[in-house]
Protein backbone atom coordinates (compact mmCIF):
# COMPACT_ATOMS: atom_id res chain seq x y z
CA MET A 1 -12.69 -91.15 -0.96
CA SER A 2 -14.82 -88.03 -0.88
CA ILE A 3 -13.61 -84.78 0.59
CA SER A 4 -15.57 -81.70 1.48
CA LEU A 5 -13.92 -78.45 2.44
CA GLU A 6 -17.26 -76.90 3.32
CA ARG A 7 -18.94 -76.91 6.69
CA SER A 8 -20.58 -80.31 6.95
CA LYS A 9 -23.78 -81.35 8.71
CA GLY A 10 -24.00 -84.35 11.00
CA SER A 11 -26.35 -86.19 8.61
CA GLU A 12 -23.60 -86.46 5.99
CA LYS A 13 -21.67 -88.87 8.26
CA LEU A 14 -18.35 -87.27 7.45
CA LYS A 15 -15.47 -86.97 9.88
CA ASN A 16 -14.74 -83.34 10.74
CA TYR A 17 -11.14 -82.34 11.38
CA ARG A 18 -9.76 -79.02 12.54
CA ILE A 19 -6.23 -78.15 11.42
CA SER A 20 -4.49 -75.40 13.39
CA VAL A 21 -1.05 -73.96 12.68
CA SER A 22 0.43 -71.94 15.52
CA GLY A 23 3.75 -70.44 16.51
CA TYR A 24 5.77 -67.28 16.08
CA GLY A 25 5.72 -65.12 12.98
CA GLY A 26 3.91 -62.01 11.91
CA GLU A 27 2.91 -59.68 9.12
CA SER A 28 5.72 -58.25 7.03
CA ALA A 29 5.90 -55.57 4.36
CA TYR A 30 8.92 -55.43 2.05
CA ILE A 31 9.06 -51.97 0.49
CA SER A 32 11.24 -50.70 -2.34
CA ILE A 33 12.93 -47.46 -1.26
CA SER A 34 15.40 -45.00 -2.74
CA LYS A 35 19.15 -45.09 -2.12
CA ALA A 36 18.89 -41.87 -0.11
CA ALA A 37 16.17 -43.32 2.10
CA CYS A 38 18.11 -46.54 2.48
CA ASP A 39 21.27 -44.73 3.58
CA PHE A 40 19.35 -42.66 6.14
CA TRP A 41 17.52 -45.58 7.69
CA ILE A 42 20.53 -47.90 7.74
CA GLU A 43 22.39 -45.26 9.76
CA SER A 44 19.39 -44.74 12.03
CA LEU A 45 19.07 -48.48 12.57
CA GLU A 46 22.66 -48.91 13.71
CA ASN A 47 21.75 -48.36 17.37
CA SER A 48 18.05 -49.19 17.49
CA ASP A 49 15.01 -49.69 15.29
CA ASN A 50 12.80 -47.56 17.57
CA ASP A 51 12.75 -44.50 15.30
CA ALA A 52 12.20 -46.55 12.15
CA VAL A 53 9.29 -48.34 13.81
CA GLU A 54 7.91 -45.02 15.04
CA TYR A 55 7.99 -43.63 11.51
CA CYS A 56 6.21 -46.65 10.05
CA LEU A 57 3.50 -46.71 12.69
CA ASN A 58 2.71 -43.01 12.58
CA ALA A 59 3.64 -41.78 9.09
CA ASP A 60 -0.02 -41.49 8.11
CA SER A 61 -0.76 -39.21 11.08
CA GLY A 62 2.55 -37.34 11.14
CA ASP A 63 2.60 -37.45 14.95
CA PHE A 64 6.05 -38.75 15.90
CA ASP A 65 7.91 -39.29 19.16
CA PHE A 66 11.43 -40.11 18.02
CA ASP A 67 14.19 -41.24 20.36
CA GLU A 68 17.33 -40.18 18.51
CA ILE A 69 16.47 -38.38 15.28
CA ASN A 70 14.82 -34.97 15.16
CA GLU A 71 12.96 -35.48 11.92
CA VAL A 72 12.90 -37.59 8.79
CA PRO A 73 14.35 -35.78 5.76
CA ALA A 74 12.10 -35.52 2.74
CA ASP A 75 14.12 -37.99 0.66
CA ALA A 76 13.82 -40.61 3.42
CA LYS A 77 10.02 -40.41 3.76
CA PHE A 78 9.38 -43.49 1.66
CA LEU A 79 5.76 -43.70 2.79
CA PHE A 80 4.93 -40.22 1.51
CA ASP A 81 2.76 -40.14 -1.62
CA GLU A 82 3.53 -37.04 -3.67
CA LYS A 83 0.30 -37.36 -5.68
CA SER A 84 -1.99 -37.28 -2.66
CA GLY A 85 0.29 -35.21 -0.46
CA GLN A 86 -0.23 -37.73 2.32
CA SER A 87 1.64 -40.68 3.76
CA ASP A 88 0.44 -44.25 3.41
CA HIS A 89 0.14 -46.75 6.21
CA VAL A 90 3.16 -49.03 6.06
CA PHE A 91 1.09 -52.08 5.10
CA GLU A 92 -0.71 -50.12 2.37
CA SER A 93 2.34 -48.70 0.61
CA PRO A 94 2.05 -49.00 -3.19
CA ASP A 95 5.79 -49.64 -3.25
CA LYS A 96 5.49 -52.99 -1.45
CA THR A 97 7.28 -55.75 -3.31
CA ALA A 98 5.96 -58.41 -0.92
CA HIS A 99 3.36 -58.53 1.85
CA LEU A 100 3.51 -61.74 3.86
CA TRP A 101 1.64 -63.09 6.85
CA GLY A 102 2.27 -66.35 8.63
CA PRO A 103 4.45 -68.23 11.09
CA SER A 104 8.08 -69.10 10.62
CA VAL A 105 8.36 -72.76 9.61
CA GLN A 106 11.06 -73.37 12.21
CA LEU A 107 8.78 -71.98 14.96
CA ALA A 108 5.46 -73.43 13.80
CA THR A 109 3.47 -76.30 15.28
CA VAL A 110 0.42 -78.11 13.94
CA ASP A 111 -2.61 -79.58 15.69
CA VAL A 112 -5.17 -81.83 14.02
CA ASP A 113 -8.30 -82.59 16.04
CA LEU A 114 -11.26 -84.81 15.25
CA ILE A 115 -14.31 -82.80 16.27
CA GLU A 116 -18.00 -83.49 16.54
CA ASN A 117 -19.13 -80.45 14.57
CA VAL A 118 -17.36 -77.50 12.99
CA GLU A 119 -19.97 -75.24 14.57
CA ASN A 120 -18.64 -76.32 17.99
CA PRO A 121 -14.93 -76.95 17.36
CA ASP A 122 -14.12 -77.10 21.08
CA GLU A 123 -15.87 -80.48 21.30
CA VAL A 124 -12.77 -82.52 20.50
CA THR A 125 -13.17 -86.27 20.10
CA GLU A 126 -9.55 -87.12 19.38
CA ASN A 127 -6.20 -85.33 19.15
CA VAL A 128 -4.77 -86.75 15.93
CA ILE A 129 -1.70 -84.51 15.96
CA SER A 130 -0.96 -82.49 19.08
CA GLY A 131 1.46 -79.57 18.94
CA GLU A 132 3.94 -81.27 16.64
CA GLY A 133 6.55 -79.04 15.08
CA VAL A 134 5.97 -78.61 11.36
CA ASP A 135 9.63 -79.48 10.72
CA ASP A 136 9.27 -82.54 12.98
CA LEU A 137 6.14 -83.65 11.12
CA SER A 138 8.01 -83.29 7.85
CA ALA A 139 10.81 -85.50 9.15
CA ARG A 140 8.34 -88.07 10.52
CA ILE A 141 6.40 -88.30 7.25
CA GLY A 142 9.67 -88.55 5.37
CA ASP A 143 10.76 -91.49 7.52
CA GLN A 144 7.39 -93.21 7.15
CA THR A 145 7.35 -92.91 3.37
CA ASP A 146 11.05 -93.46 2.69
CA PHE A 147 11.13 -89.75 1.82
CA GLU A 148 8.79 -90.18 -1.14
CA VAL A 149 6.36 -87.67 0.40
CA ASP A 150 7.32 -84.04 0.98
CA ILE A 151 4.72 -82.12 2.98
CA PHE A 152 6.20 -78.78 1.89
CA GLU A 153 5.12 -77.11 -1.36
CA GLU A 154 6.43 -73.97 -2.98
CA PRO A 155 3.97 -71.13 -3.60
CA ALA A 156 2.78 -70.30 -7.09
CA ASP A 157 5.19 -68.34 -9.26
CA GLY A 158 4.92 -64.62 -8.61
CA THR A 159 3.61 -64.97 -5.06
CA ILE A 160 6.76 -63.36 -3.71
CA SER A 161 8.88 -60.78 -5.52
CA TYR A 162 12.58 -60.69 -4.74
CA PRO A 163 14.92 -57.71 -4.93
CA SER A 164 17.69 -57.59 -7.50
CA PRO A 165 21.29 -56.67 -6.70
CA GLY A 166 21.48 -52.96 -5.96
CA ASP A 167 17.82 -52.66 -4.95
CA CYS A 168 17.12 -50.97 -1.62
CA VAL A 169 14.61 -52.62 0.68
CA PHE A 170 12.87 -51.60 3.89
CA LEU A 171 11.32 -54.40 5.94
CA PHE A 172 8.67 -53.71 8.57
CA THR A 173 7.26 -56.55 10.65
CA SER A 174 4.47 -56.79 13.17
CA LEU A 175 5.67 -59.66 15.35
CA GLU A 176 2.93 -62.03 16.49
CA LYS A 177 2.44 -65.35 18.23
CA GLY A 178 -0.55 -67.65 18.44
CA THR A 179 -2.71 -69.46 15.91
CA PHE A 180 -2.18 -68.28 12.33
CA TYR A 181 -4.33 -70.82 10.53
CA GLU A 182 -7.53 -72.56 11.59
CA CYS A 183 -9.21 -74.60 8.89
CA PHE A 184 -11.55 -77.55 8.60
CA VAL A 185 -11.78 -80.61 6.40
CA SER A 186 -14.64 -83.11 6.32
CA LEU A 187 -13.57 -86.58 5.20
CA SER A 188 -15.21 -89.93 4.57
CA GLU A 189 -12.19 -91.66 6.05
CA GLU A 190 -9.64 -91.00 8.75
CA PHE A 191 -7.21 -88.11 8.45
CA ASP A 192 -4.02 -89.11 6.62
CA ALA A 193 -1.03 -87.01 7.63
CA THR A 194 0.78 -87.92 4.41
CA LYS A 195 -1.82 -85.87 2.50
CA ILE A 196 -1.34 -82.59 4.34
CA ARG A 197 0.74 -79.93 2.63
CA PHE A 198 2.16 -76.67 3.88
CA VAL A 199 2.75 -73.98 1.28
CA VAL A 200 6.08 -72.50 2.30
CA GLY A 201 7.73 -69.49 0.72
CA GLU A 202 11.14 -68.01 1.32
CA ALA A 203 10.76 -64.36 2.26
CA PRO A 204 13.13 -61.80 0.71
CA ASP A 205 15.12 -61.74 3.97
CA GLY A 206 15.60 -65.51 3.89
CA GLN A 207 12.95 -66.66 6.37
CA ASP A 208 10.75 -69.63 5.46
CA ILE A 209 7.10 -68.71 6.06
CA VAL A 210 3.99 -70.91 6.08
CA LEU A 211 1.69 -69.23 3.53
CA GLY A 212 -1.11 -71.78 3.28
CA VAL A 213 -2.39 -75.27 4.05
CA LYS A 214 -3.63 -77.98 1.66
CA TYR A 215 -5.09 -81.45 2.06
CA ASP A 216 -5.16 -84.07 -0.66
CA GLY A 217 -4.16 -81.51 -3.25
CA GLN A 218 -6.82 -78.93 -2.39
CA ALA A 219 -6.22 -75.58 -0.72
CA ILE A 220 -8.12 -75.18 2.54
CA GLU A 221 -9.69 -71.86 3.42
CA ASN A 222 -8.22 -70.24 6.51
CA LEU A 223 -11.17 -69.26 8.69
CA GLY A 224 -9.07 -66.94 10.79
CA GLY A 225 -6.29 -67.09 13.30
CA ASP A 226 -5.92 -65.79 16.81
CA THR A 227 -2.59 -64.08 17.32
CA VAL A 228 -1.24 -61.65 19.89
CA GLY A 229 1.11 -58.81 18.98
CA GLN A 230 4.64 -59.10 20.30
CA GLY A 231 6.04 -55.81 19.08
CA TYR A 232 7.52 -54.51 15.86
CA SER A 233 10.81 -54.62 14.02
CA ALA A 234 12.38 -52.72 11.13
CA HIS A 235 15.35 -53.36 8.85
CA ALA A 236 16.81 -51.72 5.76
CA TRP A 237 19.41 -52.97 3.35
CA GLU A 238 20.85 -52.73 -0.14
CA GLN A 239 20.59 -56.08 -1.88
CA LEU A 240 23.93 -57.61 -2.76
């Protein structure tokens, strides 16, 4: 069998498949913060995360509209860079220990469509997999193969850094829903669901996130998703 992960032309007589992974998830930054900052934000977060979200969204401009706090004390401004004298955007903080983007496995679905041409992906010839939950697909493939095939793979070592006991962590998430991955494979034979793999990593807060898609052992380039923002969330904790 030949496989091409490039955009194929009709003359090559390959079957073009679009793989889409959709659901609920987002973009998350896990940031190492001081004990003083952690204590301040844990107290602030007891009633609401509005002020923590406000700080993260507007730290680089310094224009805040807080609900409950009057100001952020200097030792709690974890986005402030003393060298530059300015605050970083939350997703650009040099103190990030992990920066993840993708859907939650439990809330993710997959579509696989046979298409005429990757240049016109809306021309669908056949729905091979239609909105099947990623967990459900895993169970189905397991049943079909007597559980010899696992469609989940762990990410490469070092992809995600985890806090140690006593570390203080601030988590900021842009919540999103929609299509996170859209990728194409061109095959000389029909799509085989037992050859798809989802790279799944456990985030530092325990969520399982889809971080990538593979087919027949090869990573497939994500050509871009189409998600809609659903708001923001913030959390802070001291790792036990």
